[in-house]
Every structure is written in C-alpha cells, then in structure tokens.
Amino acid sequence: MALNKNMSLWNTVSKTNPKVTKKVKFGREFTAIDPHSQIMCATEQFGPVGQGWGWEVVKEIFTPTNEFIVLVRLWAGTRENFYEQWGQAGLYIDKNDTRKDGDFAKKATTDAITKCLSYLGFNADVFLGKFDDNKYVQEMEQEFKPKAPVISKDLVGKVGDLAKAYQDANDMAQIDQLTNEHKELFASVKPFTEQTNQLRREYASAKKRVEMNDNPQPQAA
C-alpha cells in the first residue's frame, strides 16, 4: 500500500515525548505540552523562526470576564501559506481577580500557536486523547528513551591495538608515552564501559609487570 504523501508531516510530528508534557487541572484535567519543545520541533521541520516559519498576532480582545483573547496567524514555508487560531488566557492569577498575570499576553499567544501547530499534526497524539491511556504513554516513554551508544569497529580496533601495545611495553616510560599519546582514545571510549575497563586492566597489568621486573623478589635461600 502506497504511503499517503498528505500525511507525511503529520506522521513525522504526531508523537510526543512524555517528558515534555505534564498533567494540568484547570476546571478539567488535561495534558499540557511544553511550548519550547513545540517551537523546537517546528524549527526542525521548517527552519528558524522568521525564516522557515513564524506567526503574528492579528487581533487582540479584552473580554468583560477578564480574559485576554488573541487571533494568531501562523505561517510555514511562505507567508502566504498560513493558518489562524484563537488563544486565550486569564488576566488574573487568583479567583478574586486582584493579582494580575504579567504573562497573560504570552500565554494567550502560546495557546494560539499550539492550536495552529496542532492543525499540522504536531503532538497529535495528545490532542487525540491518546495520553489518557497509560499504556500508550509507557510506549512513548520507551520509544523516546535515549538509545545506548554503539561503538564503531574502528574504535574497537584502536582499543585492541593499544591493549596489545601495553602488553608489549618494557618500562614505565613507554607505558606513560602510550597513555599520553592516546588521550583522545581514552576520551572516545568513556561511554563504553567494556572498552574503558579493558584499557584500565591492560594499563594496570603492564604497570605491575614492569614494576615487578624492576624490583625482582629475592630468591629464598
């Protein structure tokens, strides 16, 4: 079955890393998405803000119920290719409407940007309610879990060569020279426990062997 090209972007950006979400209770419980993660994801797809994509506030409304509403126009690719959506935020952060929220404009704009991006499929799994399913969230945690680094064959070969050189070393000067000449190699294998331990063992073994040769034990009478 041929892939639907119209769903290409949607399928690329629809899944959400649970680490950039949090449960919020505001009248009802829902999953909120970190806005900066959305900006980063959109930048990955379209390019830097202002070049590959961006937004502008088209209209601002202050309501009698102390809410601030904005109409945001988001464009992607070219400014002629745009989408519009409303966003809103309360003017105050307390129930008595005495403490004004200094970020009300930012929050309303962010709300609108999030909604605009959702039209393109960004974080679609959240908007489709999939994050209400704990099993799905666990699957996403595994999918976004950082992959263990994989060591290259070239690096394995270099580790083997240095290990052999330690085995053939005849004195501490030679051992120290090998260590100093391969500082970059030691740094490169730090993420790989097996190779790091191998070099440490060979270094310690070579050092012990040389010290024993330099200071032989007296023969028993």
Protein backbone atom coordinates (compact mmCIF):
# COMPACT_ATOMS: atom_id res chain seq x y z
CA MET A 1 0.00 0.00 0.00
CA ALA A 2 1.45 3.37 -1.04
CA LEU A 3 2.15 5.93 1.66
CA ASN A 4 -0.15 8.95 1.72
CA LYS A 5 2.10 11.95 1.00
CA ASN A 6 -0.50 14.25 2.52
CA MET A 7 0.14 12.59 5.90
CA SER A 8 3.93 12.78 5.70
CA LEU A 9 4.38 15.78 8.03
CA TRP A 10 1.59 14.63 10.34
CA ASN A 11 3.14 11.19 10.80
CA THR A 12 6.56 12.74 11.42
CA VAL A 13 5.48 15.11 14.21
CA SER A 14 2.41 13.43 15.71
CA LYS A 15 4.13 11.52 18.52
CA THR A 16 5.02 13.30 21.76
CA ASN A 17 7.80 12.63 24.24
CA PRO A 18 6.09 12.28 27.66
CA LYS A 19 8.99 14.23 29.20
CA VAL A 20 7.73 17.44 27.55
CA THR A 21 4.20 17.04 28.92
CA LYS A 22 2.53 17.48 32.28
CA LYS A 23 -0.94 16.95 33.68
CA VAL A 24 -2.78 20.20 34.42
CA LYS A 25 -6.04 20.77 36.27
CA PHE A 26 -7.92 23.85 35.12
CA GLY A 27 -11.59 23.08 35.52
CA ARG A 28 -10.76 19.72 33.97
CA GLU A 29 -7.58 17.66 33.79
CA PHE A 30 -5.68 17.71 30.52
CA THR A 31 -2.18 17.15 29.16
CA ALA A 32 -0.16 20.32 28.60
CA ILE A 33 2.78 20.38 26.18
CA ASP A 34 5.95 22.36 26.83
CA PRO A 35 5.77 25.23 24.29
CA HIS A 36 9.52 25.37 23.72
CA SER A 37 9.53 21.72 22.68
CA GLN A 38 6.90 22.61 20.08
CA ILE A 39 8.97 25.55 18.82
CA MET A 40 11.99 23.26 18.52
CA CYS A 41 10.02 20.59 16.68
CA ALA A 42 8.56 23.12 14.23
CA THR A 43 12.04 24.57 13.67
CA GLU A 44 13.33 21.09 12.85
CA GLN A 45 10.67 20.78 10.14
CA PHE A 46 10.52 24.30 8.69
CA GLY A 47 13.72 26.11 9.69
CA PRO A 48 14.42 29.03 12.07
CA VAL A 49 11.56 31.21 13.26
CA GLY A 50 11.21 34.20 10.96
CA GLN A 51 12.75 32.35 8.03
CA GLY A 52 11.05 28.98 7.59
CA TRP A 53 8.02 29.71 9.69
CA GLY A 54 6.60 32.19 12.19
CA TRP A 55 3.48 33.90 13.50
CA GLU A 56 1.86 37.27 14.05
CA VAL A 57 -0.93 38.49 16.29
CA VAL A 58 -3.81 39.59 14.08
CA LYS A 59 -6.34 40.66 16.71
CA GLU A 60 -6.49 41.24 20.48
CA ILE A 61 -9.65 41.24 22.59
CA PHE A 62 -10.15 42.03 26.29
CA THR A 63 -13.40 40.46 27.50
CA PRO A 64 -15.71 41.65 30.31
CA THR A 65 -14.93 38.37 32.09
CA ASN A 66 -11.25 39.35 32.48
CA GLU A 67 -9.93 37.16 29.71
CA PHE A 68 -7.46 38.13 27.02
CA ILE A 69 -8.07 36.60 23.59
CA VAL A 70 -5.79 36.78 20.57
CA LEU A 71 -6.09 35.68 16.98
CA VAL A 72 -2.72 34.37 15.79
CA ARG A 73 -1.74 33.78 12.19
CA LEU A 74 0.92 31.09 11.83
CA TRP A 75 2.73 30.67 8.51
CA ALA A 76 5.02 27.90 7.31
CA GLY A 77 7.23 27.83 4.24
CA THR A 78 5.94 31.14 2.89
CA ARG A 79 3.87 33.88 4.49
CA GLU A 80 1.10 33.15 2.01
CA ASN A 81 0.74 29.68 3.50
CA PHE A 82 -0.86 30.49 6.86
CA TYR A 83 -3.28 29.18 9.48
CA GLU A 84 -5.21 31.12 12.11
CA GLN A 85 -6.46 30.18 15.54
CA TRP A 86 -7.64 31.86 18.71
CA GLY A 87 -5.82 31.63 22.02
CA GLN A 88 -6.84 32.86 25.43
CA ALA A 89 -5.59 33.44 28.96
CA GLY A 90 -6.95 34.95 32.15
CA LEU A 91 -5.84 38.44 33.13
CA TYR A 92 -5.55 37.45 36.77
CA ILE A 93 -3.97 34.54 38.60
CA ASP A 94 -6.36 34.44 41.58
CA LYS A 95 -10.09 33.80 41.88
CA ASN A 96 -10.76 37.26 43.30
CA ASP A 97 -9.18 38.98 40.28
CA THR A 98 -6.77 41.02 42.39
CA ARG A 99 -3.39 39.69 41.22
CA LYS A 100 -2.75 40.44 37.57
CA ASP A 101 -0.84 37.89 35.50
CA GLY A 102 2.09 39.68 33.85
CA ASP A 103 2.36 36.90 31.26
CA PHE A 104 -1.27 36.87 30.11
CA ALA A 105 -0.39 38.04 26.57
CA LYS A 106 2.39 35.48 26.23
CA LYS A 107 0.16 32.68 27.50
CA ALA A 108 -2.67 33.54 25.11
CA THR A 109 -0.27 33.74 22.16
CA THR A 110 1.32 30.42 23.10
CA ASP A 111 -2.12 28.84 23.36
CA ALA A 112 -2.94 30.00 19.83
CA ILE A 113 0.40 28.83 18.40
CA THR A 114 -0.13 25.40 19.94
CA LYS A 115 -3.56 25.15 18.35
CA CYS A 116 -2.22 26.27 14.95
CA LEU A 117 0.56 23.68 15.06
CA SER A 118 -1.97 21.02 16.02
CA TYR A 119 -3.66 21.55 12.64
CA LEU A 120 -0.42 20.34 11.03
CA GLY A 121 -0.24 17.25 13.24
CA PHE A 122 2.22 18.45 15.88
CA ASN A 123 1.62 16.47 19.09
CA ALA A 124 -1.47 14.93 17.52
CA ASP A 125 -1.42 12.02 19.96
CA VAL A 126 -2.07 14.44 22.82
CA PHE A 127 -4.93 16.19 21.04
CA LEU A 128 -6.43 12.85 20.02
CA GLY A 129 -6.61 11.83 23.67
CA LYS A 130 -4.02 9.06 23.48
CA PHE A 131 -2.22 10.40 26.56
CA ASP A 132 -5.26 9.43 28.61
CA ASP A 133 -4.15 5.82 28.04
CA ASN A 134 -1.33 4.91 30.46
CA LYS A 135 -0.26 2.03 28.23
CA TYR A 136 0.25 4.41 25.30
CA VAL A 137 2.25 6.81 27.48
CA GLN A 138 4.51 3.94 28.56
CA GLU A 139 5.03 3.00 24.90
CA MET A 140 6.08 6.58 24.13
CA GLU A 141 8.45 6.60 27.11
CA GLN A 142 10.19 3.57 25.64
CA GLU A 143 10.19 5.00 22.11
CA PHE A 144 11.77 8.28 23.20
CA LYS A 145 14.18 6.64 25.64
CA PRO A 146 17.77 7.58 24.68
CA LYS A 147 19.41 4.79 22.73
CA ALA A 148 22.61 3.30 24.10
CA PRO A 149 25.65 4.42 22.09
CA VAL A 150 27.11 1.89 19.66
CA ILE A 151 30.88 1.67 19.38
CA SER A 152 32.38 1.58 15.91
CA LYS A 153 34.58 -1.25 14.61
CA ASP A 154 37.35 1.27 14.04
CA LEU A 155 37.29 2.32 17.70
CA VAL A 156 37.26 -1.31 18.85
CA GLY A 157 40.32 -1.92 16.68
CA LYS A 158 42.18 1.04 18.17
CA VAL A 159 41.41 -0.18 21.68
CA GLY A 160 42.78 -3.60 20.77
CA ASP A 161 45.95 -2.07 19.33
CA LEU A 162 46.58 -0.02 22.46
CA ALA A 163 45.90 -3.02 24.70
CA LYS A 164 48.49 -5.01 22.72
CA ALA A 165 50.96 -2.12 22.98
CA TYR A 166 50.56 -2.09 26.76
CA GLN A 167 51.25 -5.83 26.82
CA ASP A 168 54.47 -5.30 24.86
CA ALA A 169 55.69 -2.29 26.88
CA ASN A 170 59.03 -2.82 28.61
CA ASP A 171 59.19 0.11 31.04
CA MET A 172 57.12 2.85 32.67
CA ALA A 173 58.41 5.49 30.27
CA GLN A 174 56.93 3.52 27.38
CA ILE A 175 53.66 2.95 29.24
CA ASP A 176 53.34 6.65 30.08
CA GLN A 177 54.14 7.58 26.49
CA LEU A 178 51.41 5.28 25.20
CA THR A 179 48.92 6.76 27.66
CA ASN A 180 49.77 10.36 26.75
CA GLU A 181 49.65 9.67 23.01
CA HIS A 182 46.20 8.11 23.27
CA LYS A 183 44.36 10.62 25.46
CA GLU A 184 41.79 11.18 22.72
CA LEU A 185 41.17 7.44 22.51
CA PHE A 186 40.55 7.25 26.27
CA ALA A 187 38.07 10.12 25.96
CA SER A 188 36.33 8.48 22.99
CA VAL A 189 35.69 5.20 24.82
CA LYS A 190 34.32 6.76 28.02
CA PRO A 191 30.70 5.99 27.03
CA PHE A 192 31.65 2.33 26.52
CA THR A 193 32.24 0.53 29.82
CA GLU A 194 33.68 -2.66 28.34
CA GLN A 195 36.41 -0.93 26.34
CA THR A 196 37.19 1.54 29.14
CA ASN A 197 37.67 -1.31 31.61
CA GLN A 198 39.79 -3.21 29.09
CA LEU A 199 42.25 -0.34 28.76
CA ARG A 200 42.34 0.18 32.52
CA ARG A 201 43.10 -3.51 33.08
CA GLU A 202 45.85 -3.57 30.46
CA TYR A 203 47.41 -0.39 31.85
CA ALA A 204 47.36 -1.73 35.43
CA SER A 205 48.70 -5.12 34.30
CA ALA A 206 51.54 -3.55 32.32
CA LYS A 207 52.46 -1.26 35.19
CA LYS A 208 52.51 -4.13 37.68
CA ARG A 209 54.59 -6.31 35.34
CA VAL A 210 57.19 -3.57 34.78
CA GLU A 211 57.41 -2.77 38.50
CA MET A 212 57.98 -6.45 39.29
CA ASN A 213 60.73 -6.66 36.66
CA ASP A 214 62.39 -3.55 38.04
CA ASN A 215 62.15 -4.82 41.61
CA PRO A 216 62.52 -8.61 41.49
CA GLN A 217 61.75 -10.51 44.68
CA PRO A 218 64.82 -12.04 46.36
CA GLN A 219 65.13 -15.79 45.93
CA ALA A 220 64.53 -17.84 49.04
CA ALA A 221 67.68 -19.47 50.45
